[in-house]
PDB file of N, CA and C in Angstrom:
ATOM      1  N   MET A   1     100.461 101.407  98.354  1.00  0.00           N
ATOM      2  CA  MET A   1     100.455 100.965  97.059  1.00  0.00           C
ATOM      3  C   MET A   1     101.575 101.529  96.229  1.00  0.00           C
ATOM      4  N   LEU A   2     101.848 102.782  96.437  1.00  0.00           N
ATOM      5  CA  LEU A   2     102.986 103.453  95.762  1.00  0.00           C
ATOM      6  C   LEU A   2     104.279 102.714  95.978  1.00  0.00           C
ATOM      7  N   LEU A   3     104.507 102.383  97.249  1.00  0.00           N
ATOM      8  CA  LEU A   3     105.804 101.712  97.543  1.00  0.00           C
ATOM      9  C   LEU A   3     105.948 100.317  96.987  1.00  0.00           C
ATOM     10  N   GLN A   4     104.845  99.551  96.873  1.00  0.00           N
ATOM     11  CA  GLN A   4     104.842  98.259  96.169  1.00  0.00           C
ATOM     12  C   GLN A   4     104.991  98.473  94.738  1.00  0.00           C
ATOM     13  N   HIS A   5     104.235  99.375  94.100  1.00  0.00           N
ATOM     14  CA  HIS A   5     104.296  99.685  92.720  1.00  0.00           C
ATOM     15  C   HIS A   5     105.634 100.263  92.295  1.00  0.00           C
ATOM     16  N   ALA A   6     106.356 100.847  93.188  1.00  0.00           N
ATOM     17  CA  ALA A   6     107.670 101.450  92.857  1.00  0.00           C
ATOM     18  C   ALA A   6     108.607 100.380  92.511  1.00  0.00           C
ATOM     19  N   ARG A   7     108.406  99.184  92.946  1.00  0.00           N
ATOM     20  CA  ARG A   7     109.401  98.104  92.741  1.00  0.00           C
ATOM     21  C   ARG A   7     109.041  97.248  91.530  1.00  0.00           C
ATOM     22  N   ARG A   8     107.965  97.537  90.827  1.00  0.00           N
ATOM     23  CA  ARG A   8     107.485  96.614  89.773  1.00  0.00           C
ATOM     24  C   ARG A   8     108.582  96.283  88.700  1.00  0.00           C
ATOM     25  N   ASN A   9     109.274  97.282  88.353  1.00  0.00           N
ATOM     26  CA  ASN A   9     110.214  97.041  87.342  1.00  0.00           C
ATOM     27  C   ASN A   9     111.449  96.228  87.773  1.00  0.00           C
ATOM     28  N   ALA A  10     111.814  96.361  89.069  1.00  0.00           N
ATOM     29  CA  ALA A  10     112.860  95.541  89.650  1.00  0.00           C
ATOM     30  C   ALA A  10     112.445  94.111  89.985  1.00  0.00           C
ATOM     31  N   ARG A  11     111.208  93.866  90.260  1.00  0.00           N
ATOM     32  CA  ARG A  11     110.623  92.643  90.770  1.00  0.00           C
ATOM     33  C   ARG A  11     110.699  91.547  89.756  1.00  0.00           C
ATOM     34  N   VAL A  12     110.431  91.890  88.470  1.00  0.00           N
ATOM     35  CA  VAL A  12     110.368  90.902  87.424  1.00  0.00           C
ATOM     36  C   VAL A  12     111.160  91.413  86.234  1.00  0.00           C
ATOM     37  N   VAL A  13     112.191  90.564  85.872  1.00  0.00           N
ATOM     38  CA  VAL A  13     113.073  90.900  84.765  1.00  0.00           C
ATOM     39  C   VAL A  13     112.993  89.714  83.803  1.00  0.00           C
ATOM     40  N   ASP A  14     112.735  90.028  82.504  1.00  0.00           N
ATOM     41  CA  ASP A  14     112.683  89.042  81.488  1.00  0.00           C
ATOM     42  C   ASP A  14     111.653  87.851  81.804  1.00  0.00           C
ATOM     43  N   GLY A  15     110.567  88.183  82.577  1.00  0.00           N
ATOM     44  CA  GLY A  15     109.628  87.301  82.917  1.00  0.00           C
ATOM     45  C   GLY A  15     109.897  86.385  84.066  1.00  0.00           C
ATOM     46  N   GLU A  16     111.083  86.711  84.754  1.00  0.00           N
ATOM     47  CA  GLU A  16     111.455  85.896  85.883  1.00  0.00           C
ATOM     48  C   GLU A  16     111.464  86.836  87.110  1.00  0.00           C
ATOM     49  N   LEU A  17     110.963  86.167  88.244  1.00  0.00           N
ATOM     50  CA  LEU A  17     110.920  86.809  89.507  1.00  0.00           C
ATOM     51  C   LEU A  17     112.235  87.076  90.035  1.00  0.00           C
ATOM     52  N   VAL A  18     112.539  88.225  90.596  1.00  0.00           N
ATOM     53  CA  VAL A  18     113.852  88.607  91.179  1.00  0.00           C
ATOM     54  C   VAL A  18     113.574  88.710  92.647  1.00  0.00           C
ATOM     55  N   LEU A  19     114.370  87.990  93.480  1.00  0.00           N
ATOM     56  CA  LEU A  19     114.261  88.121  94.900  1.00  0.00           C
ATOM     57  C   LEU A  19     114.656  89.476  95.398  1.00  0.00           C
ATOM     58  N   LEU A  20     114.026  89.886  96.400  1.00  0.00           N
ATOM     59  CA  LEU A  20     114.334  91.282  96.930  1.00  0.00           C
ATOM     60  C   LEU A  20     115.699  91.686  97.077  1.00  0.00           C
ATOM     61  N   GLU A  21     116.559  90.755  97.655  1.00  0.00           N
ATOM     62  CA  GLU A  21     117.937  90.955  97.941  1.00  0.00           C
ATOM     63  C   GLU A  21     118.776  91.101  96.662  1.00  0.00           C
ATOM     64  N   ASP A  22     118.229  90.558  95.567  1.00  0.00           N
ATOM     65  CA  ASP A  22     118.834  90.533  94.201  1.00  0.00           C
ATOM     66  C   ASP A  22     118.283  91.652  93.293  1.00  0.00           C
ATOM     67  N   GLN A  23     117.343  92.274  93.647  1.00  0.00           N
ATOM     68  CA  GLN A  23     116.781  93.371  92.773  1.00  0.00           C
ATOM     69  C   GLN A  23     117.737  94.516  92.531  1.00  0.00           C
ATOM     70  N   ASP A  24     117.778  94.936  91.285  1.00  0.00           N
ATOM     71  CA  ASP A  24     118.523  96.218  90.875  1.00  0.00           C
ATOM     72  C   ASP A  24     117.741  97.440  91.371  1.00  0.00           C
ATOM     73  N   ARG A  25     118.215  98.103  92.396  1.00  0.00           N
ATOM     74  CA  ARG A  25     117.499  99.195  92.867  1.00  0.00           C
ATOM     75  C   ARG A  25     117.385 100.323  91.902  1.00  0.00           C
ATOM     76  N   SER A  26     118.206 100.457  90.926  1.00  0.00           N
ATOM     77  CA  SER A  26     118.120 101.563  89.952  1.00  0.00           C
ATOM     78  C   SER A  26     116.884 101.346  89.063  1.00  0.00           C
ATOM     79  N   ARG A  27     116.213 100.104  89.031  1.00  0.00           N
ATOM     80  CA  ARG A  27     115.036  99.955  88.326  1.00  0.00           C
ATOM     81  C   ARG A  27     113.812 100.425  89.057  1.00  0.00           C
ATOM     82  N   ARG A  28     113.925 100.820  90.374  1.00  0.00           N
ATOM     83  CA  ARG A  28     112.805 101.274  91.105  1.00  0.00           C
ATOM     84  C   ARG A  28     112.355 102.607  90.702  1.00  0.00           C
ATOM     85  N   ASN A  29     111.118 102.979  90.952  1.00  0.00           N
ATOM     86  CA  ASN A  29     110.643 104.270  90.691  1.00  0.00           C
ATOM     87  C   ASN A  29     110.878 105.210  91.971  1.00  0.00           C
ATOM     88  N   ALA A  30     111.905 106.022  91.908  1.00  0.00           N
ATOM     89  CA  ALA A  30     112.227 106.890  92.993  1.00  0.00           C
ATOM     90  C   ALA A  30     111.143 107.877  93.269  1.00  0.00           C
ATOM     91  N   ASP A  31     110.382 108.457  92.348  1.00  0.00           N
ATOM     92  CA  ASP A  31     109.251 109.267  92.528  1.00  0.00           C
ATOM     93  C   ASP A  31     108.255 108.787  93.349  1.00  0.00           C
ATOM     94  N   GLU A  32     107.856 107.435  93.105  1.00  0.00           N
ATOM     95  CA  GLU A  32     106.867 106.851  93.739  1.00  0.00           C
ATOM     96  C   GLU A  32     107.182 106.581  95.313  1.00  0.00           C
ATOM     97  N   ILE A  33     108.444 106.288  95.512  1.00  0.00           N
ATOM     98  CA  ILE A  33     108.946 105.968  96.781  1.00  0.00           C
ATOM     99  C   ILE A  33     108.967 107.304  97.680  1.00  0.00           C
ATOM    100  N   GLU A  34     109.391 108.436  96.965  1.00  0.00           N
ATOM    101  CA  GLU A  34     109.407 109.669  97.631  1.00  0.00           C
ATOM    102  C   GLU A  34     107.920 110.149  97.968  1.00  0.00           C
ATOM    103  N   GLN A  35     106.995 109.870  97.066  1.00  0.00           N
ATOM    104  CA  GLN A  35     105.473 110.150  97.379  1.00  0.00           C
ATOM    105  C   GLN A  35     105.020 109.235  98.452  1.00  0.00           C
ATOM    106  N   GLY A  36     105.330 108.023  98.530  1.00  0.00           N
ATOM    107  CA  GLY A  36     104.794 107.102  99.476  1.00  0.00           C
ATOM    108  C   GLY A  36     105.267 107.189 100.891  1.00  0.00           C
ATOM    109  N   ARG A  37     106.546 107.505 101.102  1.00  0.00           N
ATOM    110  CA  ARG A  37     107.106 107.521 102.431  1.00  0.00           C
ATOM    111  C   ARG A  37     106.406 108.492 103.347  1.00  0.00           C
ATOM    112  N   PRO A  38     106.152 109.738 102.883  1.00  0.00           N
ATOM    113  CA  PRO A  38     105.351 110.761 103.838  1.00  0.00           C
ATOM    114  C   PRO A  38     103.973 110.162 104.115  1.00  0.00           C
ATOM    115  N   LEU A  39     103.439 109.531 103.190  1.00  0.00           N
ATOM    116  CA  LEU A  39     102.112 108.952 103.533  1.00  0.00           C
ATOM    117  C   LEU A  39     102.078 107.938 104.718  1.00  0.00           C
ATOM    118  N   ILE A  40     103.067 107.104 104.665  1.00  0.00           N
ATOM    119  CA  ILE A  40     103.313 106.193 105.667  1.00  0.00           C
ATOM    120  C   ILE A  40     103.514 106.783 107.041  1.00  0.00           C
ATOM    121  N   ASP A  41     104.469 107.818 107.077  1.00  0.00           N
ATOM    122  CA  ASP A  41     104.679 108.628 108.272  1.00  0.00           C
ATOM    123  C   ASP A  41     103.429 109.249 108.743  1.00  0.00           C
ATOM    124  N   ARG A  42     102.645 109.780 107.889  1.00  0.00           N
ATOM    125  CA  ARG A  42     101.398 110.437 108.357  1.00  0.00           C
ATOM    126  C   ARG A  42     100.438 109.408 108.937  1.00  0.00           C
ATOM    127  N   ALA A  43     100.318 108.292 108.297  1.00  0.00           N
ATOM    128  CA  ALA A  43      99.413 107.224 108.794  1.00  0.00           C
ATOM    129  C   ALA A  43      99.828 106.777 110.168  1.00  0.00           C
ATOM    130  N   ILE A  44     101.042 106.582 110.377  1.00  0.00           N
ATOM    131  CA  ILE A  44     101.631 106.163 111.651  1.00  0.00           C
ATOM    132  C   ILE A  44     101.352 107.313 112.696  1.00  0.00           C
ATOM    133  N   ALA A  45     101.651 108.562 112.322  1.00  0.00           N
ATOM    134  CA  ALA A  45     101.382 109.706 113.213  1.00  0.00           C
ATOM    135  C   ALA A  45      99.969 109.774 113.629  1.00  0.00           C
ATOM    136  N   LEU A  46      99.098 109.458 112.776  1.00  0.00           N
ATOM    137  CA  LEU A  46      97.594 109.425 113.083  1.00  0.00           C
ATOM    138  C   LEU A  46      97.110 108.181 113.808  1.00  0.00           C
ATOM    139  N   ARG A  47      98.119 107.424 114.220  1.00  0.00           N
ATOM    140  CA  ARG A  47      97.851 106.150 114.936  1.00  0.00           C
ATOM    141  C   ARG A  47      97.045 105.165 114.035  1.00  0.00           C
ATOM    142  N   GLY A  48      97.411 105.171 112.748  1.00  0.00           N
ATOM    143  CA  GLY A  48      96.850 104.159 111.860  1.00  0.00           C
ATOM    144  C   GLY A  48      97.270 102.665 112.359  1.00  0.00           C
ATOM    145  N   ARG A  49      96.482 101.789 112.037  1.00  0.00           N
ATOM    146  CA  ARG A  49      96.745 100.374 112.401  1.00  0.00           C
ATOM    147  C   ARG A  49      96.286  99.466 111.218  1.00  0.00           C
ATOM    148  N   GLY A  50      96.725  98.264 111.262  1.00  0.00           N
ATOM    149  CA  GLY A  50      96.238  97.330 110.329  1.00  0.00           C
ATOM    150  C   GLY A  50      97.350  96.807 109.447  1.00  0.00           C
ATOM    151  N   ALA A  51      96.937  95.679 108.824  1.00  0.00           N
ATOM    152  CA  ALA A  51      97.847  94.812 107.854  1.00  0.00           C
ATOM    153  C   ALA A  51      98.415  95.656 106.741  1.00  0.00           C
ATOM    154  N   TYR A  52      97.457  96.512 106.184  1.00  0.00           N
ATOM    155  CA  TYR A  52      98.010  97.329 105.066  1.00  0.00           C
ATOM    156  C   TYR A  52      99.046  98.385 105.506  1.00  0.00           C
ATOM    157  N   LEU A  53      98.875  98.954 106.588  1.00  0.00           N
ATOM    158  CA  LEU A  53      99.843  99.889 107.042  1.00  0.00           C
ATOM    159  C   LEU A  53     101.200  99.230 107.383  1.00  0.00           C
ATOM    160  N   LEU A  54     101.081  98.069 108.057  1.00  0.00           N
ATOM    161  CA  LEU A  54     102.306  97.289 108.345  1.00  0.00           C
ATOM    162  C   LEU A  54     102.960  96.816 107.087  1.00  0.00           C
ATOM    163  N   GLN A  55     102.248  96.479 106.087  1.00  0.00           N
ATOM    164  CA  GLN A  55     102.923  96.057 104.807  1.00  0.00           C
ATOM    165  C   GLN A  55     103.572  97.205 104.200  1.00  0.00           C
ATOM    166  N   ALA A  56     102.964  98.402 104.166  1.00  0.00           N
ATOM    167  CA  ALA A  56     103.497  99.686 103.531  1.00  0.00           C
ATOM    168  C   ALA A  56     104.753 100.080 104.303  1.00  0.00           C
ATOM    169  N   ALA A  57     104.703  99.952 105.612  1.00  0.00           N
ATOM    170  CA  ALA A  57     105.908 100.350 106.378  1.00  0.00           C
ATOM    171  C   ALA A  57     107.129  99.393 106.082  1.00  0.00           C
ATOM    172  N   ILE A  58     106.826  98.060 105.983  1.00  0.00           N
ATOM    173  CA  ILE A  58     107.866  97.129 105.512  1.00  0.00           C
ATOM    174  C   ILE A  58     108.372  97.481 104.161  1.00  0.00           C
ATOM    175  N   ALA A  59     107.564  97.736 103.203  1.00  0.00           N
ATOM    176  CA  ALA A  59     107.869  98.182 101.837  1.00  0.00           C
ATOM    177  C   ALA A  59     108.816  99.456 101.917  1.00  0.00           C
ATOM    178  N   SER A  60     108.420 100.347 102.786  1.00  0.00           N
ATOM    179  CA  SER A  60     109.238 101.615 102.936  1.00  0.00           C
ATOM    180  C   SER A  60     110.653 101.246 103.417  1.00  0.00           C
ATOM    181  N   LEU A  61     110.765 100.446 104.367  1.00  0.00           N
ATOM    182  CA  LEU A  61     112.104  99.955 104.885  1.00  0.00           C
ATOM    183  C   LEU A  61     112.859  99.229 103.850  1.00  0.00           C
ATOM    184  N   GLN A  62     112.187  98.404 103.008  1.00  0.00           N
ATOM    185  CA  GLN A  62     112.799  97.658 101.903  1.00  0.00           C
ATOM    186  C   GLN A  62     113.272  98.506 100.893  1.00  0.00           C
ATOM    187  N   SER A  63     112.810  99.821 100.747  1.00  0.00           N
ATOM    188  CA  SER A  63     113.338 100.704  99.763  1.00  0.00           C
ATOM    189  C   SER A  63     114.527 101.579 100.109  1.00  0.00           C
ATOM    190  N   GLU A  64     114.956 101.315 101.444  1.00  0.00           N
ATOM    191  CA  GLU A  64     116.167 102.007 101.907  1.00  0.00           C
ATOM    192  C   GLU A  64     117.433 101.500 100.968  1.00  0.00           C
ATOM    193  N   PRO A  65     118.333 102.329 100.876  1.00  0.00           N
ATOM    194  CA  PRO A  65     119.574 101.984 100.132  1.00  0.00           C
ATOM    195  C   PRO A  65     120.313 100.778 100.672  1.00  0.00           C
ATOM    196  N   GLN A  66     120.338 100.571 101.956  1.00  0.00           N
ATOM    197  CA  GLN A  66     120.965  99.449 102.527  1.00  0.00           C
ATOM    198  C   GLN A  66     119.921  98.829 103.513  1.00  0.00           C
ATOM    199  N   ILE A  67     119.785  97.535 103.450  1.00  0.00           N
ATOM    200  CA  ILE A  67     118.828  96.795 104.341  1.00  0.00           C
ATOM    201  C   ILE A  67     119.600  95.975 105.330  1.00  0.00           C
ATOM    202  N   ASP A  68     119.350  96.137 106.601  1.00  0.00           N
ATOM    203  CA  ASP A  68     119.934  95.251 107.624  1.00  0.00           C
ATOM    204  C   ASP A  68     118.991  94.056 107.775  1.00  0.00           C
ATOM    205  N   TRP A  69     119.254  92.994 107.084  1.00  0.00           N
ATOM    206  CA  TRP A  69     118.432  91.873 107.009  1.00  0.00           C
ATOM    207  C   TRP A  69     118.168  91.199 108.286  1.00  0.00           C
ATOM    208  N   ARG A  70     118.976  91.398 109.253  1.00  0.00           N
ATOM    209  CA  ARG A  70     118.871  90.860 110.652  1.00  0.00           C
ATOM    210  C   ARG A  70     117.762  91.520 111.212  1.00  0.00           C
TER     211      ARG A  70
END
């Protein structure tokens, strides 16, 4: 949830939805991203499974400075 929430200010600007590739990364909450990443790593290390962990892992990758869209 931290990683999803970290993008809230970049996701909607002036009431308009902004596509991920067009989002201004400076509007993201870096503290929440820093808090969320170790939680993802720990869940994976503990062999966590499920849709929520997968979504969180994707959100973590999407918070990288550069995204290899392929």
